Amino acid sequence: MKFKIDTETLNDAENCKYNYSCLNDNPECLCDIDYDLGEGKILFLKSDQLINCNYMLSYGNSYICTCPVRKKICKLYHR
């Protein structure tokens, strides 16, 4: 496992349908971040990479990632 995330954060993302494959840096699950507002608090995704994810939220012409695990990866690993 490439990324180590605490159990509480994993439990907060109980609706993950990819079985946390982002923890292995899987490109099919680990969305590319366009920009980050505040150390993983609000993550805007690159618009050319749209996957079917329970934590992807449409915001105007953009998408925001609301996944607690993805936010923690961004905050801890700057990835």
PDB file of N, CA and C in Angstrom:
ATOM      1  N   MET A   1       0.849  -1.179   0.000  1.00  0.00           N
ATOM      2  CA  MET A   1       0.000   0.000   0.000  1.00  0.00           C
ATOM      3  C   MET A   1       0.892   1.239   0.000  1.00  0.00           C
ATOM      4  N   LYS A   2       0.685   2.092  -0.954  1.00  0.00           N
ATOM      5  CA  LYS A   2       1.523   3.276  -1.101  1.00  0.00           C
ATOM      6  C   LYS A   2       1.191   4.350  -0.064  1.00  0.00           C
ATOM      7  N   PHE A   3      -0.107   4.625   0.125  1.00  0.00           N
ATOM      8  CA  PHE A   3      -0.529   5.656   1.066  1.00  0.00           C
ATOM      9  C   PHE A   3      -1.108   5.011   2.321  1.00  0.00           C
ATOM     10  N   LYS A   4      -0.753   5.540   3.480  1.00  0.00           N
ATOM     11  CA  LYS A   4      -1.300   5.053   4.742  1.00  0.00           C
ATOM     12  C   LYS A   4      -2.236   6.121   5.307  1.00  0.00           C
ATOM     13  N   ILE A   5      -3.487   5.720   5.506  1.00  0.00           N
ATOM     14  CA  ILE A   5      -4.532   6.623   5.982  1.00  0.00           C
ATOM     15  C   ILE A   5      -5.165   6.014   7.224  1.00  0.00           C
ATOM     16  N   ASP A   6      -5.476   6.846   8.196  1.00  0.00           N
ATOM     17  CA  ASP A   6      -6.035   6.360   9.456  1.00  0.00           C
ATOM     18  C   ASP A   6      -7.411   5.720   9.259  1.00  0.00           C
ATOM     19  N   THR A   7      -7.744   4.808  10.147  1.00  0.00           N
ATOM     20  CA  THR A   7      -8.991   4.050  10.075  1.00  0.00           C
ATOM     21  C   THR A   7     -10.221   4.939  10.141  1.00  0.00           C
ATOM     22  N   GLU A   8     -10.176   5.985  10.935  1.00  0.00           N
ATOM     23  CA  GLU A   8     -11.319   6.890  11.059  1.00  0.00           C
ATOM     24  C   GLU A   8     -11.664   7.523   9.710  1.00  0.00           C
ATOM     25  N   THR A   9     -10.649   7.955   8.975  1.00  0.00           N
ATOM     26  CA  THR A   9     -10.877   8.555   7.657  1.00  0.00           C
ATOM     27  C   THR A   9     -11.431   7.520   6.689  1.00  0.00           C
ATOM     28  N   LEU A  10     -10.899   6.307   6.729  1.00  0.00           N
ATOM     29  CA  LEU A  10     -11.411   5.239   5.872  1.00  0.00           C
ATOM     30  C   LEU A  10     -12.880   4.957   6.173  1.00  0.00           C
ATOM     31  N   ASN A  11     -13.223   4.951   7.447  1.00  0.00           N
ATOM     32  CA  ASN A  11     -14.613   4.724   7.841  1.00  0.00           C
ATOM     33  C   ASN A  11     -15.530   5.852   7.371  1.00  0.00           C
ATOM     34  N   ASP A  12     -14.983   7.063   7.307  1.00  0.00           N
ATOM     35  CA  ASP A  12     -15.777   8.211   6.828  1.00  0.00           C
ATOM     36  C   ASP A  12     -16.110   8.092   5.342  1.00  0.00           C
ATOM     37  N   ALA A  13     -15.334   7.285   4.622  1.00  0.00           N
ATOM     38  CA  ALA A  13     -15.547   7.101   3.185  1.00  0.00           C
ATOM     39  C   ALA A  13     -16.179   5.737   2.904  1.00  0.00           C
ATOM     40  N   GLU A  14     -17.152   5.393   3.689  1.00  0.00           N
ATOM     41  CA  GLU A  14     -17.766   4.061   3.590  1.00  0.00           C
ATOM     42  C   GLU A  14     -18.500   3.819   2.274  1.00  0.00           C
ATOM     43  N   ASN A  15     -18.776   4.857   1.505  1.00  0.00           N
ATOM     44  CA  ASN A  15     -19.468   4.705   0.228  1.00  0.00           C
ATOM     45  C   ASN A  15     -18.526   4.524  -0.961  1.00  0.00           C
ATOM     46  N   CYS A  16     -17.263   4.216  -0.687  1.00  0.00           N
ATOM     47  CA  CYS A  16     -16.295   4.018  -1.768  1.00  0.00           C
ATOM     48  C   CYS A  16     -16.608   2.726  -2.508  1.00  0.00           C
ATOM     49  N   LYS A  17     -16.882   2.858  -3.801  1.00  0.00           N
ATOM     50  CA  LYS A  17     -17.194   1.667  -4.578  1.00  0.00           C
ATOM     51  C   LYS A  17     -15.960   1.086  -5.267  1.00  0.00           C
ATOM     52  N   TYR A  18     -14.808   1.686  -5.032  1.00  0.00           N
ATOM     53  CA  TYR A  18     -13.559   1.196  -5.615  1.00  0.00           C
ATOM     54  C   TYR A  18     -12.684   0.485  -4.587  1.00  0.00           C
ATOM     55  N   ASN A  19     -13.238   0.210  -3.414  1.00  0.00           N
ATOM     56  CA  ASN A  19     -12.532  -0.508  -2.358  1.00  0.00           C
ATOM     57  C   ASN A  19     -11.195   0.165  -2.006  1.00  0.00           C
ATOM     58  N   TYR A  20     -11.197   1.500  -1.977  1.00  0.00           N
ATOM     59  CA  TYR A  20     -10.031   2.297  -1.586  1.00  0.00           C
ATOM     60  C   TYR A  20      -8.804   2.026  -2.455  1.00  0.00           C
ATOM     61  N   SER A  21      -9.010   1.751  -3.723  1.00  0.00           N
ATOM     62  CA  SER A  21      -7.878   1.482  -4.605  1.00  0.00           C
ATOM     63  C   SER A  21      -6.981   2.704  -4.779  1.00  0.00           C
ATOM     64  N   CYS A  22      -7.461   3.882  -4.399  1.00  0.00           N
ATOM     65  CA  CYS A  22      -6.637   5.089  -4.463  1.00  0.00           C
ATOM     66  C   CYS A  22      -5.427   4.980  -3.524  1.00  0.00           C
ATOM     67  N   LEU A  23      -5.542   4.158  -2.490  1.00  0.00           N
ATOM     68  CA  LEU A  23      -4.432   3.991  -1.547  1.00  0.00           C
ATOM     69  C   LEU A  23      -3.221   3.342  -2.210  1.00  0.00           C
ATOM     70  N   ASN A  24      -3.439   2.681  -3.335  1.00  0.00           N
ATOM     71  CA  ASN A  24      -2.350   2.071  -4.091  1.00  0.00           C
ATOM     72  C   ASN A  24      -1.928   2.942  -5.270  1.00  0.00           C
ATOM     73  N   ASP A  25      -2.375   4.194  -5.276  1.00  0.00           N
ATOM     74  CA  ASP A  25      -2.065   5.155  -6.341  1.00  0.00           C
ATOM     75  C   ASP A  25      -2.623   4.691  -7.685  1.00  0.00           C
ATOM     76  N   ASN A  26      -3.776   4.037  -7.643  1.00  0.00           N
ATOM     77  CA  ASN A  26      -4.445   3.546  -8.847  1.00  0.00           C
ATOM     78  C   ASN A  26      -4.990   4.735  -9.641  1.00  0.00           C
ATOM     79  N   PRO A  27      -4.518   4.934 -10.876  1.00  0.00           N
ATOM     80  CA  PRO A  27      -4.956   6.100 -11.653  1.00  0.00           C
ATOM     81  C   PRO A  27      -6.433   6.078 -12.026  1.00  0.00           C
ATOM     82  N   GLU A  28      -7.065   4.901 -12.011  1.00  0.00           N
ATOM     83  CA  GLU A  28      -8.489   4.822 -12.316  1.00  0.00           C
ATOM     84  C   GLU A  28      -9.335   5.358 -11.167  1.00  0.00           C
ATOM     85  N   CYS A  29      -8.765   5.420  -9.986  1.00  0.00           N
ATOM     86  CA  CYS A  29      -9.511   5.860  -8.809  1.00  0.00           C
ATOM     87  C   CYS A  29      -8.992   7.185  -8.261  1.00  0.00           C
ATOM     88  N   LEU A  30      -7.709   7.419  -8.370  1.00  0.00           N
ATOM     89  CA  LEU A  30      -7.089   8.617  -7.800  1.00  0.00           C
ATOM     90  C   LEU A  30      -7.211   9.775  -8.790  1.00  0.00           C
ATOM     91  N   CYS A  31      -8.237  10.575  -8.624  1.00  0.00           N
ATOM     92  CA  CYS A  31      -8.498  11.690  -9.535  1.00  0.00           C
ATOM     93  C   CYS A  31      -7.360  12.703  -9.505  1.00  0.00           C
ATOM     94  N   ASP A  32      -7.116  13.314 -10.655  1.00  0.00           N
ATOM     95  CA  ASP A  32      -6.121  14.372 -10.739  1.00  0.00           C
ATOM     96  C   ASP A  32      -6.721  15.662 -10.203  1.00  0.00           C
ATOM     97  N   ILE A  33      -5.969  16.321  -9.352  1.00  0.00           N
ATOM     98  CA  ILE A  33      -6.409  17.575  -8.745  1.00  0.00           C
ATOM     99  C   ILE A  33      -6.005  18.739  -9.645  1.00  0.00           C
ATOM    100  N   ASP A  34      -6.960  19.589  -9.958  1.00  0.00           N
ATOM    101  CA  ASP A  34      -6.665  20.802 -10.708  1.00  0.00           C
ATOM    102  C   ASP A  34      -6.100  21.851  -9.758  1.00  0.00           C
ATOM    103  N   TYR A  35      -6.798  22.085  -8.663  1.00  0.00           N
ATOM    104  CA  TYR A  35      -6.248  22.941  -7.607  1.00  0.00           C
ATOM    105  C   TYR A  35      -6.905  22.619  -6.277  1.00  0.00           C
ATOM    106  N   ASP A  36      -6.200  22.967  -5.242  1.00  0.00           N
ATOM    107  CA  ASP A  36      -6.572  22.637  -3.865  1.00  0.00           C
ATOM    108  C   ASP A  36      -6.733  23.944  -3.096  1.00  0.00           C
ATOM    109  N   LEU A  37      -7.869  24.101  -2.469  1.00  0.00           N
ATOM    110  CA  LEU A  37      -8.110  25.284  -1.642  1.00  0.00           C
ATOM    111  C   LEU A  37      -7.974  24.890  -0.179  1.00  0.00           C
ATOM    112  N   GLY A  38      -6.842  25.132   0.406  1.00  0.00           N
ATOM    113  CA  GLY A  38      -6.676  24.944   1.838  1.00  0.00           C
ATOM    114  C   GLY A  38      -6.266  23.572   2.316  1.00  0.00           C
ATOM    115  N   GLU A  39      -5.146  23.083   1.845  1.00  0.00           N
ATOM    116  CA  GLU A  39      -4.562  21.826   2.324  1.00  0.00           C
ATOM    117  C   GLU A  39      -5.540  20.661   2.321  1.00  0.00           C
ATOM    118  N   GLY A  40      -6.147  20.388   1.202  1.00  0.00           N
ATOM    119  CA  GLY A  40      -7.037  19.251   1.057  1.00  0.00           C
ATOM    120  C   GLY A  40      -8.459  19.470   1.522  1.00  0.00           C
ATOM    121  N   LYS A  41      -8.819  20.690   1.850  1.00  0.00           N
ATOM    122  CA  LYS A  41     -10.185  20.939   2.314  1.00  0.00           C
ATOM    123  C   LYS A  41     -11.176  20.949   1.152  1.00  0.00           C
ATOM    124  N   ILE A  42     -10.831  21.631   0.072  1.00  0.00           N
ATOM    125  CA  ILE A  42     -11.677  21.669  -1.120  1.00  0.00           C
ATOM    126  C   ILE A  42     -10.794  21.338  -2.323  1.00  0.00           C
ATOM    127  N   LEU A  43     -11.101  20.228  -2.976  1.00  0.00           N
ATOM    128  CA  LEU A  43     -10.304  19.775  -4.116  1.00  0.00           C
ATOM    129  C   LEU A  43     -11.109  19.903  -5.397  1.00  0.00           C
ATOM    130  N   PHE A  44     -10.643  20.734  -6.310  1.00  0.00           N
ATOM    131  CA  PHE A  44     -11.244  20.840  -7.627  1.00  0.00           C
ATOM    132  C   PHE A  44     -10.519  19.866  -8.540  1.00  0.00           C
ATOM    133  N   LEU A  45     -11.298  19.092  -9.292  1.00  0.00           N
ATOM    134  CA  LEU A  45     -10.728  18.059 -10.147  1.00  0.00           C
ATOM    135  C   LEU A  45     -10.521  18.561 -11.559  1.00  0.00           C
ATOM    136  N   LYS A  46      -9.555  17.959 -12.249  1.00  0.00           N
ATOM    137  CA  LYS A  46      -9.368  18.272 -13.661  1.00  0.00           C
ATOM    138  C   LYS A  46     -10.595  17.796 -14.409  1.00  0.00           C
ATOM    139  N   SER A  47     -11.134  18.663 -15.237  1.00  0.00           N
ATOM    140  CA  SER A  47     -12.420  18.378 -15.879  1.00  0.00           C
ATOM    141  C   SER A  47     -12.342  17.291 -16.939  1.00  0.00           C
ATOM    142  N   ASP A  48     -11.145  16.982 -17.438  1.00  0.00           N
ATOM    143  CA  ASP A  48     -11.037  15.965 -18.482  1.00  0.00           C
ATOM    144  C   ASP A  48     -11.025  14.542 -17.911  1.00  0.00           C
ATOM    145  N   GLN A  49     -11.011  14.418 -16.597  1.00  0.00           N
ATOM    146  CA  GLN A  49     -10.984  13.105 -15.971  1.00  0.00           C
ATOM    147  C   GLN A  49     -12.250  12.919 -15.140  1.00  0.00           C
ATOM    148  N   LEU A  50     -13.259  12.372 -15.766  1.00  0.00           N
ATOM    149  CA  LEU A  50     -14.517  12.168 -15.063  1.00  0.00           C
ATOM    150  C   LEU A  50     -14.741  10.677 -14.867  1.00  0.00           C
ATOM    151  N   ILE A  51     -14.808  10.261 -13.620  1.00  0.00           N
ATOM    152  CA  ILE A  51     -15.078   8.874 -13.311  1.00  0.00           C
ATOM    153  C   ILE A  51     -16.392   8.786 -12.555  1.00  0.00           C
ATOM    154  N   ASN A  52     -16.945   7.635 -12.499  1.00  0.00           N
ATOM    155  CA  ASN A  52     -18.200   7.417 -11.804  1.00  0.00           C
ATOM    156  C   ASN A  52     -17.893   7.173 -10.326  1.00  0.00           C
ATOM    157  N   CYS A  53     -17.926   8.215  -9.540  1.00  0.00           N
ATOM    158  CA  CYS A  53     -17.539   8.144  -8.135  1.00  0.00           C
ATOM    159  C   CYS A  53     -18.624   8.771  -7.263  1.00  0.00           C
ATOM    160  N   ASN A  54     -18.903   8.135  -6.146  1.00  0.00           N
ATOM    161  CA  ASN A  54     -19.914   8.653  -5.217  1.00  0.00           C
ATOM    162  C   ASN A  54     -19.509   9.975  -4.571  1.00  0.00           C
ATOM    163  N   TYR A  55     -18.242  10.306  -4.616  1.00  0.00           N
ATOM    164  CA  TYR A  55     -17.746  11.497  -3.933  1.00  0.00           C
ATOM    165  C   TYR A  55     -17.434  12.656  -4.886  1.00  0.00           C
ATOM    166  N   MET A  56     -17.785  12.512  -6.159  1.00  0.00           N
ATOM    167  CA  MET A  56     -17.571  13.579  -7.129  1.00  0.00           C
ATOM    168  C   MET A  56     -18.826  14.439  -7.177  1.00  0.00           C
ATOM    169  N   LEU A  57     -18.664  15.719  -6.945  1.00  0.00           N
ATOM    170  CA  LEU A  57     -19.782  16.646  -6.869  1.00  0.00           C
ATOM    171  C   LEU A  57     -19.644  17.709  -7.950  1.00  0.00           C
ATOM    172  N   SER A  58     -20.681  17.856  -8.755  1.00  0.00           N
ATOM    173  CA  SER A  58     -20.683  18.881  -9.792  1.00  0.00           C
ATOM    174  C   SER A  58     -20.781  20.260  -9.140  1.00  0.00           C
ATOM    175  N   TYR A  59     -19.955  21.190  -9.645  1.00  0.00           N
ATOM    176  CA  TYR A  59     -19.943  22.554  -9.129  1.00  0.00           C
ATOM    177  C   TYR A  59     -19.778  23.487 -10.324  1.00  0.00           C
ATOM    178  N   GLY A  60     -20.870  23.936 -10.881  1.00  0.00           N
ATOM    179  CA  GLY A  60     -20.812  24.781 -12.078  1.00  0.00           C
ATOM    180  C   GLY A  60     -20.228  23.990 -13.231  1.00  0.00           C
ATOM    181  N   ASN A  61     -19.156  24.500 -13.819  1.00  0.00           N
ATOM    182  CA  ASN A  61     -18.468  23.803 -14.906  1.00  0.00           C
ATOM    183  C   ASN A  61     -17.333  22.942 -14.390  1.00  0.00           C
ATOM    184  N   SER A  62     -17.216  22.794 -13.103  1.00  0.00           N
ATOM    185  CA  SER A  62     -16.137  22.033 -12.490  1.00  0.00           C
ATOM    186  C   SER A  62     -16.698  20.892 -11.662  1.00  0.00           C
ATOM    187  N   TYR A  63     -15.786  20.123 -11.097  1.00  0.00           N
ATOM    188  CA  TYR A  63     -16.151  19.061 -10.166  1.00  0.00           C
ATOM    189  C   TYR A  63     -15.297  19.178  -8.925  1.00  0.00           C
ATOM    190  N   ILE A  64     -15.898  18.857  -7.792  1.00  0.00           N
ATOM    191  CA  ILE A  64     -15.215  18.883  -6.509  1.00  0.00           C
ATOM    192  C   ILE A  64     -15.190  17.459  -5.967  1.00  0.00           C
ATOM    193  N   CYS A  65     -14.068  17.081  -5.382  1.00  0.00           N
ATOM    194  CA  CYS A  65     -13.957  15.787  -4.726  1.00  0.00           C
ATOM    195  C   CYS A  65     -14.322  15.966  -3.257  1.00  0.00           C
ATOM    196  N   THR A  66     -15.280  15.182  -2.799  1.00  0.00           N
ATOM    197  CA  THR A  66     -15.702  15.249  -1.391  1.00  0.00           C
ATOM    198  C   THR A  66     -15.242  14.024  -0.605  1.00  0.00           C
ATOM    199  N   CYS A  67     -14.386  13.203  -1.203  1.00  0.00           N
ATOM    200  CA  CYS A  67     -13.938  11.968  -0.561  1.00  0.00           C
ATOM    201  C   CYS A  67     -12.960  12.267   0.579  1.00  0.00           C
ATOM    202  N   PRO A  68     -13.267  11.818   1.786  1.00  0.00           N
ATOM    203  CA  PRO A  68     -12.367  12.045   2.918  1.00  0.00           C
ATOM    204  C   PRO A  68     -10.987  11.420   2.720  1.00  0.00           C
ATOM    205  N   VAL A  69     -10.935  10.268   2.069  1.00  0.00           N
ATOM    206  CA  VAL A  69      -9.650   9.600   1.842  1.00  0.00           C
ATOM    207  C   VAL A  69      -8.815  10.387   0.834  1.00  0.00           C
ATOM    208  N   ARG A  70      -9.440  10.814  -0.246  1.00  0.00           N
ATOM    209  CA  ARG A  70      -8.705  11.586  -1.271  1.00  0.00           C
ATOM    210  C   ARG A  70      -8.191  12.900  -0.688  1.00  0.00           C
ATOM    211  N   LYS A  71      -9.000  13.536   0.136  1.00  0.00           N
ATOM    212  CA  LYS A  71      -8.572  14.785   0.776  1.00  0.00           C
ATOM    213  C   LYS A  71      -7.376  14.543   1.685  1.00  0.00           C
ATOM    214  N   LYS A  72      -7.393  13.439   2.420  1.00  0.00           N
ATOM    215  CA  LYS A  72      -6.285  13.123   3.333  1.00  0.00           C
ATOM    216  C   LYS A  72      -5.016  12.801   2.554  1.00  0.00           C
ATOM    217  N   ILE A  73      -5.150  12.085   1.425  1.00  0.00           N
ATOM    218  CA  ILE A  73      -3.986  11.804   0.583  1.00  0.00           C
ATOM    219  C   ILE A  73      -3.381  13.118   0.098  1.00  0.00           C
ATOM    220  N   CYS A  74      -4.218  14.033  -0.329  1.00  0.00           N
ATOM    221  CA  CYS A  74      -3.730  15.334  -0.804  1.00  0.00           C
ATOM    222  C   CYS A  74      -3.023  16.094   0.313  1.00  0.00           C
ATOM    223  N   LYS A  75      -3.614  16.085   1.489  1.00  0.00           N
ATOM    224  CA  LYS A  75      -3.048  16.827   2.606  1.00  0.00           C
ATOM    225  C   LYS A  75      -1.723  16.224   3.099  1.00  0.00           C
ATOM    226  N   LEU A  76      -1.684  14.906   3.243  1.00  0.00           N
ATOM    227  CA  LEU A  76      -0.496  14.258   3.806  1.00  0.00           C
ATOM    228  C   LEU A  76       0.622  14.039   2.797  1.00  0.00           C
ATOM    229  N   TYR A  77       0.242  13.720   1.565  1.00  0.00           N
ATOM    230  CA  TYR A  77       1.240  13.317   0.570  1.00  0.00           C
ATOM    231  C   TYR A  77       1.396  14.316  -0.570  1.00  0.00           C
ATOM    232  N   HIS A  78       0.631  15.395  -0.530  1.00  0.00           N
ATOM    233  CA  HIS A  78       0.682  16.436  -1.585  1.00  0.00           C
ATOM    234  C   HIS A  78       0.536  15.811  -2.963  1.00  0.00           C
ATOM    235  N   ARG A  79      -0.371  14.899  -3.080  1.00  0.00           N
ATOM    236  CA  ARG A  79      -0.588  14.149  -4.313  1.00  0.00           C
ATOM    237  C   ARG A  79      -2.031  14.189  -4.708  1.00  0.00           C
TER     238      ARG A  79
END
